[in-house]
Amino acid sequence: MIKKILKVTGLVLGVLVVLIAGYYTKAHISTNRRMQKQYAITPQVLPILNDSAVLARGEHLIRIKACNECHGKDLGGKVFVDDAALGLLIAPNLTKGKGGRPLDFNAEDWSLALRHGLRRDRTPLLFMPSHEFTLMSEEDLTAIISYCANLEPVDREFPKSNIGPLARVLADLDKLPLLPAEMIDHDRKLAKQVKAEVSEEYGKYLATSCSGCHRENLKGGDPVAPGYPEVADISSTGHPGQWTDEQFIQTLRTGLTPEGKTLKPEEMPWTMTKEFSDLELKALHLYLKSI
């Protein structure tokens, strides 16, 4: 009897191993194909400007879009994930120093990366949140491109990113935004400008940075990754909907909520949101309360 049970158990385990191996092979082939896809894109090329006001705006946008969180404080690149299951994920050196952008990296290349999530050979960038940048205005994208193109060179070299097995499986299940280029309407026309004022329209424009974690409806939901908590509802039906502007600003600047909770920066990036101006935070709060 025991021999029979062991035999059946062995057969079941063997079948499971074959099924798992078969699925992983499929996921590996699928993600490789998606990573190697070339997009037939002719980008709208935004200019590189040297105006001091444009560069100052670009620097501000870099901070509130959390570019420094991934690419490092000097934008000279950073290892942001080094995990056996997820892989080695590198946010590259954005400067023209050693290990960074080539000296001939031009306005078209920047537009492809930010607006479309593509390399200059039209294959997708990994984890680059271009699906958020593509919703920005021409004015703001021009400011970011101009600032990045004028960065002081930083010499910092890295190995290539390597996608781990868990990341491949999650990407195959559409649970991980491995290739944001797939999420973009590449024919969409950019708005020329969005007026910076305390309005729901401007708040909605700024809330693009929140939707990656809090979902498109900003109602939160499942954890963004294994081991993370559930994502909070930040609409009118969540805690922020009950806060005053002052409480909202205080929370997004310090990570301390009116309820006495301390927000971990790796779960809620208040180290990024603290860079928003009072006007931007008031507009954002106005929009969140309208949902």
Protein backbone atom coordinates (compact mmCIF):
# COMPACT_ATOMS: atom_id res chain seq x y z
CA MET A 1 0.00 0.00 0.00
CA ILE A 2 2.78 2.43 0.99
CA LYS A 3 4.69 1.57 -2.20
CA LYS A 4 1.57 2.34 -4.23
CA ILE A 5 1.08 5.70 -2.47
CA LEU A 6 4.72 6.60 -3.02
CA LYS A 7 4.47 5.63 -6.66
CA VAL A 8 1.34 7.74 -7.23
CA THR A 9 2.90 10.66 -5.32
CA GLY A 10 6.03 10.39 -7.46
CA LEU A 11 3.97 10.37 -10.65
CA VAL A 12 1.98 13.44 -9.54
CA LEU A 13 5.14 15.31 -8.61
CA GLY A 14 6.73 14.32 -11.89
CA VAL A 15 3.76 15.62 -13.86
CA LEU A 16 3.83 18.88 -11.88
CA VAL A 17 7.55 19.33 -12.59
CA VAL A 18 6.95 18.75 -16.31
CA LEU A 19 4.03 21.23 -16.34
CA ILE A 20 5.98 23.88 -14.44
CA ALA A 21 9.02 23.42 -16.68
CA GLY A 22 6.81 23.59 -19.75
CA TYR A 23 5.09 26.77 -18.60
CA TYR A 24 8.38 28.44 -17.67
CA THR A 25 9.82 27.56 -21.09
CA LYS A 26 6.76 29.17 -22.68
CA ALA A 27 7.11 32.29 -20.45
CA HIS A 28 10.84 32.55 -21.23
CA ILE A 29 10.28 32.34 -24.99
CA SER A 30 7.36 34.77 -24.83
CA THR A 31 9.20 37.42 -22.80
CA ASN A 32 12.27 37.12 -25.03
CA ARG A 33 10.12 37.69 -28.11
CA ARG A 34 8.46 40.71 -26.52
CA MET A 35 11.81 42.18 -25.43
CA GLN A 36 13.22 41.82 -28.95
CA LYS A 37 10.22 43.29 -30.77
CA GLN A 38 11.02 46.32 -32.93
CA TYR A 39 8.39 49.05 -33.10
CA ALA A 40 7.84 50.97 -36.34
CA ILE A 41 7.76 54.36 -34.64
CA THR A 42 8.53 57.79 -36.05
CA PRO A 43 8.62 59.91 -32.89
CA GLN A 44 7.56 63.49 -32.48
CA VAL A 45 10.97 64.93 -31.73
CA LEU A 46 10.98 67.44 -28.89
CA PRO A 47 13.79 70.02 -28.86
CA ILE A 48 16.74 70.23 -26.50
CA LEU A 49 16.76 73.73 -25.03
CA ASN A 50 19.34 75.54 -22.89
CA ASP A 51 17.05 78.18 -21.37
CA SER A 52 17.60 78.44 -17.61
CA ALA A 53 13.87 78.46 -16.80
CA VAL A 54 13.33 75.31 -18.90
CA LEU A 55 16.24 73.55 -17.19
CA ALA A 56 14.95 74.54 -13.74
CA ARG A 57 11.52 73.15 -14.64
CA GLY A 58 13.17 69.96 -15.89
CA GLU A 59 15.09 69.54 -12.64
CA HIS A 60 11.88 69.94 -10.64
CA LEU A 61 10.05 67.40 -12.79
CA ILE A 62 12.91 64.93 -12.47
CA ARG A 63 12.52 65.12 -8.68
CA ILE A 64 8.72 64.77 -8.58
CA LYS A 65 8.77 61.93 -11.13
CA ALA A 66 11.27 60.07 -8.88
CA CYS A 67 13.87 59.65 -11.63
CA ASN A 68 16.56 59.95 -8.93
CA GLU A 69 15.05 57.05 -6.98
CA CYS A 70 15.96 54.64 -9.78
CA HIS A 71 18.81 56.36 -11.65
CA GLY A 72 20.59 57.76 -8.59
CA LYS A 73 20.85 61.27 -7.19
CA ASP A 74 23.23 62.34 -9.97
CA LEU A 75 21.31 60.28 -12.60
CA GLY A 76 24.51 58.35 -13.15
CA GLY A 77 22.73 55.01 -12.82
CA LYS A 78 21.98 52.56 -10.04
CA VAL A 79 21.28 48.90 -9.31
CA PHE A 80 17.67 49.02 -8.13
CA VAL A 81 16.98 45.28 -7.92
CA ASP A 82 19.49 42.49 -7.27
CA ASP A 83 17.49 39.39 -6.47
CA ALA A 84 17.86 35.76 -7.55
CA ALA A 85 14.17 35.47 -8.44
CA LEU A 86 13.56 38.90 -9.97
CA GLY A 87 16.99 39.33 -11.54
CA LEU A 88 19.60 42.08 -11.76
CA LEU A 89 17.81 45.25 -12.83
CA ILE A 90 19.88 48.31 -13.69
CA ALA A 91 18.63 51.86 -14.08
CA PRO A 92 21.25 53.08 -16.57
CA ASN A 93 23.58 56.05 -16.46
CA LEU A 94 21.67 58.91 -18.13
CA THR A 95 24.69 61.18 -18.47
CA LYS A 96 27.25 61.16 -21.26
CA GLY A 97 30.03 59.99 -18.98
CA LYS A 98 31.75 56.60 -19.26
CA GLY A 99 29.08 53.90 -19.15
CA GLY A 100 26.32 56.39 -19.96
CA ARG A 101 24.56 57.67 -23.07
CA PRO A 102 26.70 57.80 -26.23
CA LEU A 103 27.94 61.23 -27.27
CA ASP A 104 25.60 61.23 -30.28
CA PHE A 105 22.51 60.50 -28.15
CA ASN A 106 20.16 63.12 -29.55
CA ALA A 107 16.69 64.66 -29.22
CA GLU A 108 15.09 61.80 -31.17
CA ASP A 109 16.67 59.22 -28.87
CA TRP A 110 15.39 61.04 -25.77
CA SER A 111 11.91 61.32 -27.30
CA LEU A 112 11.89 57.60 -28.12
CA ALA A 113 12.87 56.68 -24.56
CA LEU A 114 10.58 59.03 -22.64
CA ARG A 115 7.57 59.21 -24.94
CA HIS A 116 7.62 55.64 -26.31
CA GLY A 117 9.69 53.50 -23.92
CA LEU A 118 12.03 52.48 -26.74
CA ARG A 119 15.76 52.32 -27.39
CA ARG A 120 17.19 53.94 -30.49
CA ASP A 121 16.91 50.56 -32.27
CA ARG A 122 13.14 50.64 -31.47
CA THR A 123 13.24 47.68 -29.05
CA PRO A 124 11.55 48.15 -25.64
CA LEU A 125 13.24 49.55 -22.56
CA LEU A 126 12.79 47.46 -19.40
CA PHE A 127 10.67 48.90 -16.58
CA MET A 128 11.08 52.47 -17.88
CA PRO A 129 7.73 54.10 -16.89
CA SER A 130 7.24 55.77 -20.26
CA HIS A 131 3.53 54.94 -20.03
CA GLU A 132 3.42 57.77 -17.47
CA PHE A 133 5.77 60.15 -19.27
CA THR A 134 3.79 59.82 -22.48
CA LEU A 135 0.84 61.49 -20.74
CA MET A 136 2.84 64.64 -19.98
CA SER A 137 2.64 67.82 -22.00
CA GLU A 138 5.07 68.82 -24.73
CA GLU A 139 6.25 71.65 -22.50
CA ASP A 140 7.09 69.38 -19.56
CA LEU A 141 8.64 66.60 -21.63
CA THR A 142 10.80 69.16 -23.40
CA ALA A 143 11.96 70.43 -20.00
CA ILE A 144 12.89 66.91 -18.83
CA ILE A 145 14.69 66.08 -22.08
CA SER A 146 16.57 69.39 -22.00
CA TYR A 147 17.65 68.87 -18.39
CA CYS A 148 18.82 65.29 -19.00
CA ALA A 149 20.69 66.26 -22.17
CA ASN A 150 22.58 68.92 -20.21
CA LEU A 151 23.64 66.72 -17.27
CA GLU A 152 27.22 66.82 -16.09
CA PRO A 153 28.99 63.61 -17.18
CA VAL A 154 29.25 60.87 -14.56
CA ASP A 155 31.59 57.93 -15.13
CA ARG A 156 29.76 54.84 -13.91
CA GLU A 157 29.53 51.49 -15.70
CA PHE A 158 27.20 48.57 -15.06
CA PRO A 159 26.61 45.07 -16.40
CA LYS A 160 23.49 44.46 -18.47
CA SER A 161 20.18 43.88 -16.72
CA ASN A 162 19.25 40.23 -16.35
CA ILE A 163 15.59 39.25 -15.96
CA GLY A 164 15.05 36.54 -13.34
CA PRO A 165 12.59 33.64 -13.52
CA LEU A 166 9.96 35.19 -11.22
CA ALA A 167 10.03 38.45 -13.19
CA ARG A 168 9.52 36.53 -16.43
CA VAL A 169 6.57 34.60 -15.03
CA LEU A 170 4.95 37.72 -13.55
CA ALA A 171 5.47 39.58 -16.83
CA ASP A 172 3.96 36.69 -18.78
CA LEU A 173 0.92 36.85 -16.47
CA ASP A 174 0.72 40.65 -16.94
CA LYS A 175 1.39 41.16 -13.24
CA LEU A 176 4.62 43.11 -13.75
CA PRO A 177 5.14 46.09 -16.13
CA LEU A 178 8.30 44.68 -17.67
CA LEU A 179 7.77 46.42 -21.03
CA PRO A 180 5.84 49.69 -20.64
CA ALA A 181 6.11 50.27 -24.42
CA GLU A 182 3.31 47.72 -24.71
CA MET A 183 1.05 49.97 -22.60
CA ILE A 184 1.44 53.09 -24.74
CA ASP A 185 -0.72 54.53 -27.49
CA HIS A 186 2.20 55.48 -29.73
CA ASP A 187 -0.02 57.57 -32.02
CA ARG A 188 -1.43 59.73 -29.25
CA LYS A 189 -0.82 63.46 -29.66
CA LEU A 190 0.75 65.31 -26.74
CA ALA A 191 -0.98 68.28 -25.16
CA LYS A 192 1.03 71.45 -25.71
CA GLN A 193 0.73 72.60 -22.10
CA VAL A 194 -1.24 71.94 -18.92
CA LYS A 195 -1.75 75.04 -16.81
CA ALA A 196 -0.21 74.80 -13.34
CA GLU A 197 -3.02 75.85 -11.02
CA VAL A 198 -5.13 74.47 -8.18
CA SER A 199 -7.67 72.70 -10.37
CA GLU A 200 -9.00 69.19 -10.85
CA GLU A 201 -7.56 69.15 -14.37
CA TYR A 202 -4.03 69.87 -13.16
CA GLY A 203 -4.50 67.45 -10.26
CA LYS A 204 -5.50 64.69 -12.69
CA TYR A 205 -2.42 65.47 -14.77
CA LEU A 206 -0.19 65.10 -11.69
CA ALA A 207 -1.98 61.94 -10.51
CA THR A 208 -0.43 60.00 -13.39
CA SER A 209 2.52 59.42 -11.06
CA CYS A 210 0.17 57.77 -8.53
CA SER A 211 -1.67 55.46 -10.92
CA GLY A 212 1.22 53.03 -11.34
CA CYS A 213 0.71 51.75 -7.79
CA HIS A 214 -2.77 52.97 -6.83
CA ARG A 215 -4.31 51.80 -10.13
CA GLU A 216 -5.94 53.89 -12.83
CA ASN A 217 -8.99 54.62 -10.65
CA LEU A 218 -6.71 55.40 -7.65
CA LYS A 219 -8.77 53.02 -5.49
CA GLY A 220 -5.77 50.79 -4.74
CA GLY A 221 -5.89 47.02 -4.66
CA ASP A 222 -3.51 44.07 -4.66
CA PRO A 223 0.15 44.51 -3.64
CA VAL A 224 2.43 45.87 -6.37
CA ALA A 225 4.89 43.01 -5.75
CA PRO A 226 5.20 39.90 -3.56
CA GLY A 227 5.85 40.86 0.06
CA TYR A 228 4.33 44.33 -0.22
CA PRO A 229 1.11 45.41 1.54
CA GLU A 230 -2.17 46.03 -0.26
CA VAL A 231 -2.20 49.37 -2.07
CA ALA A 232 -4.30 52.04 -0.36
CA ASP A 233 -7.39 53.76 -1.74
CA ILE A 234 -6.38 57.44 -2.15
CA SER A 235 -9.65 58.62 -3.68
CA SER A 236 -12.52 60.32 -1.83
CA THR A 237 -13.44 56.96 -0.28
CA GLY A 238 -9.96 56.48 1.25
CA HIS A 239 -8.21 58.32 4.07
CA PRO A 240 -6.92 61.22 1.88
CA GLY A 241 -10.53 62.04 1.02
CA GLN A 242 -11.13 62.91 4.66
CA TRP A 243 -7.98 64.97 5.18
CA THR A 244 -7.61 68.73 4.95
CA ASP A 245 -5.13 70.17 2.45
CA GLU A 246 -2.74 70.84 5.33
CA GLN A 247 -2.94 67.22 6.51
CA PHE A 248 -2.48 65.93 2.96
CA ILE A 249 0.58 68.12 2.42
CA GLN A 250 2.04 67.14 5.79
CA THR A 251 1.60 63.42 5.00
CA LEU A 252 3.18 63.64 1.56
CA ARG A 253 6.09 65.68 2.93
CA THR A 254 6.87 63.66 6.08
CA GLY A 255 5.33 60.21 5.66
CA LEU A 256 3.28 60.68 8.86
CA THR A 257 -0.49 60.39 8.45
CA PRO A 258 -3.14 62.16 10.57
CA GLU A 259 -4.09 58.70 11.88
CA GLY A 260 -0.59 58.30 13.32
CA LYS A 261 0.71 55.83 10.75
CA THR A 262 4.32 56.05 9.52
CA LEU A 263 4.58 55.35 5.78
CA LYS A 264 7.63 53.40 4.62
CA PRO A 265 9.32 55.18 1.69
CA GLU A 266 9.75 51.90 -0.19
CA GLU A 267 5.98 51.35 -0.03
CA MET A 268 4.77 54.95 -0.35
CA PRO A 269 7.45 57.18 -1.93
CA TRP A 270 6.92 60.31 0.17
CA THR A 271 10.61 61.09 -0.36
CA MET A 272 9.45 61.82 -3.92
CA THR A 273 6.16 63.54 -3.13
CA LYS A 274 7.84 65.89 -0.65
CA GLU A 275 9.37 67.57 -3.70
CA PHE A 276 5.93 68.67 -4.97
CA SER A 277 5.11 72.35 -4.49
CA ASP A 278 2.17 73.39 -2.30
CA LEU A 279 0.24 74.30 -5.45
CA GLU A 280 0.86 70.86 -6.96
CA LEU A 281 -0.17 69.03 -3.79
CA LYS A 282 -3.34 71.10 -3.40
CA ALA A 283 -4.30 70.41 -7.02
CA LEU A 284 -3.59 66.70 -6.56
CA HIS A 285 -5.66 66.55 -3.37
CA LEU A 286 -8.53 68.39 -5.05
CA TYR A 287 -8.57 65.82 -7.83
CA LEU A 288 -8.34 62.81 -5.49
CA LYS A 289 -11.32 64.11 -3.49
CA SER A 290 -13.33 64.44 -6.72
CA ILE A 291 -13.10 60.72 -7.51
